[in-house]
Amino acid sequence: MARRRVAADPAYSVLAIGASWGGVEALSRFVATLPATWSLPVIIVQHQHATSGTALERILSRQTVLEVIDVNDKQVIESGKIYIAPANYHLLVENDKSFSLSTDAPVNFSRPSIDVTFGSIVDVYAGKCIGVLLTGANEDGVEGMKRIHECGGFTVAQNPDEAEVPTMPAAAIAAGVVDRIACLNEIVPIIIKQLSDGKE
């Protein structure tokens, strides 16, 4: 029998990743480990300076064969692509599986905010979400991870001991909303196994 694609299991439909201080290096390493057969949409929220432009898109594109996209308003979400919340906008997911951008006030001193995007993803995908929280200097993302965890999704936090700044993943762990704690090079294999095993 032919081997199924990595994300063929319908238990999960989207992978959401949040990062802040130290996130560019962590995300570069993360996307480099995604296999060419990866088929879940990946939605990344990295805290960026308002004037960062598309720098992160260019950086990550050099690390993966998957297409990396700095999101435009009303863009439709497609499988197997990596989407980045653009600088100075909150990134939201609409019921028709498209993106919208918001200039509402910063949340947790951040725009884009991880909590805003993760919460929006849960509103649309419910328990079919996988949430990952990486290095960062504040607690943005904890509430979003809580929502994913409580609706039956799967959550992973980077091991604070290896994070450039441990505050963000440590806060999620302390809140009791993390299913797995892992070093960066272990996270993709853990997710692939979860996709293969599906939900209990």
Foldseek 3Di string as FASTA:
>chain_A
DDDDQLQPQQLAAAEEEEEEVQVLVLLLVQQLPDDPSAWHEYEYEYFDAQPPFCVSLVSNVVRHPFHEEADDAFAATGTRHYYYDGHQWAWAADQNRGIHTHNPDDDQNGVNFLQRHLVRCCVRGQQNYEYEYAADDEQGNLNSLQRNQVSNHAYEYEALVPGPHNHHSVVNVVVVSHPYYYHSVCVVVVVSVCSVVRDD
